[in-house]
Protein backbone atom coordinates (compact mmCIF):
# COMPACT_ATOMS: atom_id res chain seq x y z
CA MET A 1 239.35 -38.08 -1.36
CA ALA A 2 242.66 -36.69 -3.86
CA SER A 3 245.69 -39.09 -0.88
CA ARG A 4 243.15 -41.73 -2.92
CA SER A 5 243.28 -41.06 -6.30
CA PRO A 6 246.51 -42.91 -7.34
CA LEU A 7 245.65 -46.27 -5.50
CA ALA A 8 242.44 -45.98 -7.86
CA GLY A 9 244.89 -45.34 -10.33
CA ALA A 10 246.80 -49.36 -9.47
CA LEU A 11 243.80 -51.35 -9.09
CA VAL A 12 242.57 -49.46 -12.79
CA LEU A 13 245.24 -50.86 -13.75
CA GLN A 14 245.55 -54.02 -12.14
CA VAL A 15 241.96 -54.17 -13.54
CA ALA A 16 243.15 -54.29 -17.44
CA VAL A 17 246.30 -56.72 -16.89
CA VAL A 18 242.96 -59.56 -16.00
CA ALA A 19 241.34 -57.91 -18.96
CA LEU A 20 244.30 -58.23 -21.54
CA ALA A 21 245.07 -60.66 -20.51
CA LEU A 22 241.62 -62.49 -21.26
CA THR A 23 241.24 -60.97 -24.04
CA LEU A 24 244.54 -61.93 -25.70
CA ALA A 25 243.82 -66.11 -24.41
CA TRP A 26 240.96 -65.21 -26.41
CA LEU A 27 241.67 -64.19 -29.74
CA PHE A 28 244.91 -66.04 -29.55
CA GLY A 29 242.32 -69.71 -28.24
CA LEU A 30 243.99 -70.40 -25.53
CA SER A 31 242.13 -71.45 -21.81
CA PRO A 32 244.90 -70.53 -18.43
CA TRP A 33 241.43 -70.88 -16.85
CA GLN A 34 241.24 -73.95 -16.63
CA ARG A 35 244.82 -74.55 -15.43
CA LEU A 36 243.24 -73.55 -12.30
CA HIS A 37 243.09 -75.53 -9.85
CA TRP A 38 242.67 -75.92 -5.85
CA SER A 39 242.44 -77.34 -3.10
CA PRO A 40 243.61 -77.60 0.59
CA GLU A 41 247.24 -79.08 -0.73
CA VAL A 42 248.02 -75.91 -2.99
CA LEU A 43 246.64 -73.16 -0.76
CA THR A 44 250.31 -75.42 1.11
CA TRP A 45 252.10 -74.96 -1.18
CA SER A 46 251.88 -72.13 -2.37
CA VAL A 47 251.97 -70.87 1.37
CA LEU A 48 255.37 -73.08 0.83
CA ALA A 49 256.74 -71.42 -2.40
CA THR A 50 255.89 -68.40 -1.07
CA LEU A 51 258.39 -68.44 1.84
CA PRO A 52 262.19 -68.08 0.11
CA LEU A 53 260.73 -65.15 -1.66
CA ALA A 54 259.60 -64.26 1.65
CA VAL A 55 263.00 -64.94 3.66
CA LEU A 56 264.74 -62.87 0.97
CA LEU A 57 262.82 -59.85 0.74
CA LEU A 58 263.67 -59.75 5.04
CA LEU A 59 267.66 -60.56 4.08
CA PHE A 60 267.45 -57.82 1.34
CA PRO A 61 268.00 -54.75 3.53
CA LEU A 62 271.03 -55.96 4.97
CA ALA A 63 272.43 -56.64 1.93
CA GLY A 64 274.06 -52.88 2.72
CA TRP A 65 274.41 -53.03 -2.16
CA LYS A 66 273.73 -49.61 -3.98
CA TRP A 67 271.84 -51.13 -6.30
CA THR A 68 269.14 -53.21 -3.32
CA ARG A 69 269.26 -48.80 -1.45
CA GLU A 70 268.08 -48.37 -5.28
CA ILE A 71 265.14 -50.73 -5.23
CA SER A 72 264.45 -49.98 -2.10
CA ARG A 73 264.02 -45.99 -2.57
CA MET A 74 261.65 -46.51 -5.55
CA VAL A 75 259.68 -48.82 -3.68
CA GLU A 76 259.54 -46.11 -1.22
CA GLN A 77 259.10 -43.71 -3.63
CA ILE A 78 256.52 -45.15 -6.10
CA VAL A 79 254.96 -47.53 -4.10
CA LEU A 80 253.83 -47.13 -0.14
CA PRO A 81 252.45 -43.58 -1.14
CA LEU A 82 249.59 -45.18 -3.33
CA PHE A 83 248.59 -47.19 1.01
CA GLU A 84 249.37 -43.62 2.96
CA ARG A 85 245.96 -43.36 4.10
CA ALA A 86 244.72 -46.16 2.17
CA PRO A 87 241.67 -47.53 3.01
CA VAL A 88 241.83 -51.54 5.60
CA GLY A 89 241.96 -54.10 2.48
CA SER A 90 243.91 -52.07 0.05
CA VAL A 91 247.19 -53.46 -0.06
CA ALA A 92 245.85 -57.01 0.04
CA LEU A 93 243.12 -56.50 -3.10
CA VAL A 94 246.03 -54.62 -5.31
CA ALA A 95 248.12 -58.09 -4.06
CA ALA A 96 245.11 -59.90 -5.33
CA LEU A 97 245.02 -58.51 -8.50
CA ALA A 98 248.23 -58.20 -9.22
CA GLY A 99 248.49 -61.59 -8.57
CA ILE A 100 245.27 -62.82 -11.00
CA GLY A 101 246.45 -60.78 -13.70
CA GLU A 102 250.00 -60.79 -14.01
CA GLU A 103 250.05 -64.27 -13.77
CA LEU A 104 247.36 -64.66 -16.29
CA LEU A 105 249.17 -62.79 -19.22
CA PHE A 106 252.57 -63.54 -17.98
CA ARG A 107 252.47 -67.71 -17.68
CA GLY A 108 249.08 -68.30 -18.58
CA VAL A 109 249.09 -66.01 -21.91
CA PHE A 110 252.55 -65.51 -22.36
CA GLN A 111 253.99 -68.86 -21.25
CA ASP A 112 251.25 -71.36 -23.00
CA GLY A 113 251.71 -69.40 -26.22
CA LEU A 114 255.27 -69.25 -26.53
CA SER A 115 255.64 -72.42 -24.54
CA LEU A 116 253.17 -74.25 -28.05
CA LEU A 117 255.33 -72.81 -30.71
CA PHE A 118 258.69 -73.18 -28.98
CA GLY A 119 259.07 -75.82 -26.33
CA PRO A 120 258.42 -75.58 -22.52
CA ALA A 121 262.17 -74.87 -21.75
CA ILE A 122 262.27 -71.21 -24.14
CA GLY A 123 258.15 -70.64 -23.46
CA LEU A 124 259.08 -70.33 -19.55
CA ILE A 125 262.80 -68.21 -20.67
CA LEU A 126 260.92 -65.92 -22.55
CA ALA A 127 257.59 -65.38 -20.53
CA SER A 128 260.71 -64.73 -17.84
CA LEU A 129 262.50 -61.04 -20.03
CA LEU A 130 259.23 -60.47 -21.11
CA PHE A 131 257.66 -60.71 -17.36
CA GLY A 132 261.36 -58.28 -16.46
CA LEU A 133 260.87 -55.77 -18.84
CA ALA A 134 257.62 -54.62 -17.73
CA HIS A 135 258.64 -53.97 -14.33
CA ALA A 136 262.43 -53.03 -15.20
CA VAL A 137 262.45 -49.90 -13.52
CA THR A 138 266.23 -50.43 -12.67
CA PRO A 139 268.52 -52.68 -14.48
CA ALA A 140 268.40 -54.51 -11.66
CA TYR A 141 265.16 -54.37 -10.46
CA PHE A 142 264.39 -55.98 -14.14
CA LEU A 143 266.88 -58.60 -13.18
CA ILE A 144 265.04 -58.81 -9.90
CA ALA A 145 262.09 -59.38 -11.18
CA THR A 146 263.05 -61.89 -14.37
CA LEU A 147 264.50 -64.69 -11.52
CA MET A 148 260.99 -64.43 -10.01
CA GLY A 149 259.15 -64.69 -13.59
CA ALA A 150 261.61 -67.60 -13.76
CA TYR A 151 260.84 -68.60 -10.25
CA LEU A 152 257.05 -69.04 -10.87
CA GLY A 153 256.86 -69.66 -14.24
CA TRP A 154 258.09 -72.96 -13.01
CA LEU A 155 256.19 -73.42 -10.15
CA TYR A 156 253.45 -73.06 -13.44
CA LEU A 157 255.31 -75.63 -15.05
CA HIS A 158 256.54 -78.28 -12.76
CA GLY A 159 252.42 -78.60 -11.02
CA GLU A 160 250.54 -77.48 -14.26
CA ASN A 161 248.80 -75.31 -11.67
CA LEU A 162 247.73 -71.74 -13.07
CA LEU A 163 247.17 -70.63 -9.27
CA VAL A 164 250.27 -71.45 -7.50
CA PRO A 165 251.97 -68.50 -8.76
CA ILE A 166 248.51 -66.18 -8.50
CA ILE A 167 248.78 -67.34 -5.08
CA VAL A 168 252.69 -67.27 -4.44
CA HIS A 169 252.70 -63.96 -6.43
CA ALA A 170 250.12 -63.08 -4.89
CA LEU A 171 251.43 -63.99 -1.46
CA TYR A 172 254.65 -62.24 -1.94
CA ASP A 173 253.36 -58.11 -2.86
CA TRP A 174 251.16 -58.50 -0.34
CA ILE A 175 253.97 -59.33 2.46
CA ALA A 176 256.91 -57.36 0.98
CA ILE A 177 254.04 -54.13 0.32
CA HIS A 178 253.79 -54.63 4.11
CA PHE A 179 257.48 -55.26 4.54
CA TYR A 180 258.34 -51.80 2.99
CA LEU A 181 255.15 -50.00 5.63
CA TRP A 182 256.69 -51.60 8.77
CA ASN A 183 260.09 -50.71 7.94
CA ARG A 184 259.14 -47.14 6.83
CA LYS A 185 257.09 -46.84 10.24
CA ARG A 186 260.44 -48.32 11.76
CA CYS A 187 262.39 -45.21 10.45
CA LEU A 188 260.65 -42.43 10.94
CA ASP A 189 258.84 -43.43 14.34
CA PRO A 190 260.06 -41.55 16.99
CA LYS A 191 262.75 -43.72 19.42
CA PRO A 192 263.50 -43.77 23.49
CA GLY A 193 265.60 -40.55 24.37
CA GLY A 194 263.70 -38.91 21.79
CA THR A 195 265.66 -39.07 18.67
CA HIS A 196 264.11 -40.32 14.95
CA GLY A 197 265.47 -43.41 12.96
CA ARG A 198 267.84 -42.37 10.03
CA PRO A 199 265.12 -43.67 6.84
CA GLU A 200 268.05 -45.95 5.26
């Protein structure tokens, strides 16, 4: 049971983000849920919009730069332990809650609210910076998160449908976590000849 407590904490955090987003939306008179529009085409475009992020994720370890190794170590130390011996479906649940909560907050509340005050372009930039700051575990990760926030914000601005960045965010998180879990298992599993893979 103790091994699951960090995962429970992560789930509580994501639910708290959803609650915060809805509370702020109510306080400031915003209605991000009115920009949620479902259709098969939305799912198709969301999956296609996730592909560039997935390709970059797969190419990421090949760069071999110091800051890419630092981010990989950070993911292995902070994120992966949450899912060791976790129940089936845990990754999907965390990814879905992260997509819903963070996109409601950063796109549906911050970007929409700041856009009303300063215009769409400034709203997009400021919301992206806030998204980066919320993920600033390293300077490099701040930059990557800011750029990803800008991409998600652009998708929202372009399509005027909050469901698109929610799906893209959740799907990317699901792919990323599974990718790192698979990579860790590949590095630690015995290889032919009795040798072990060396973690990067």
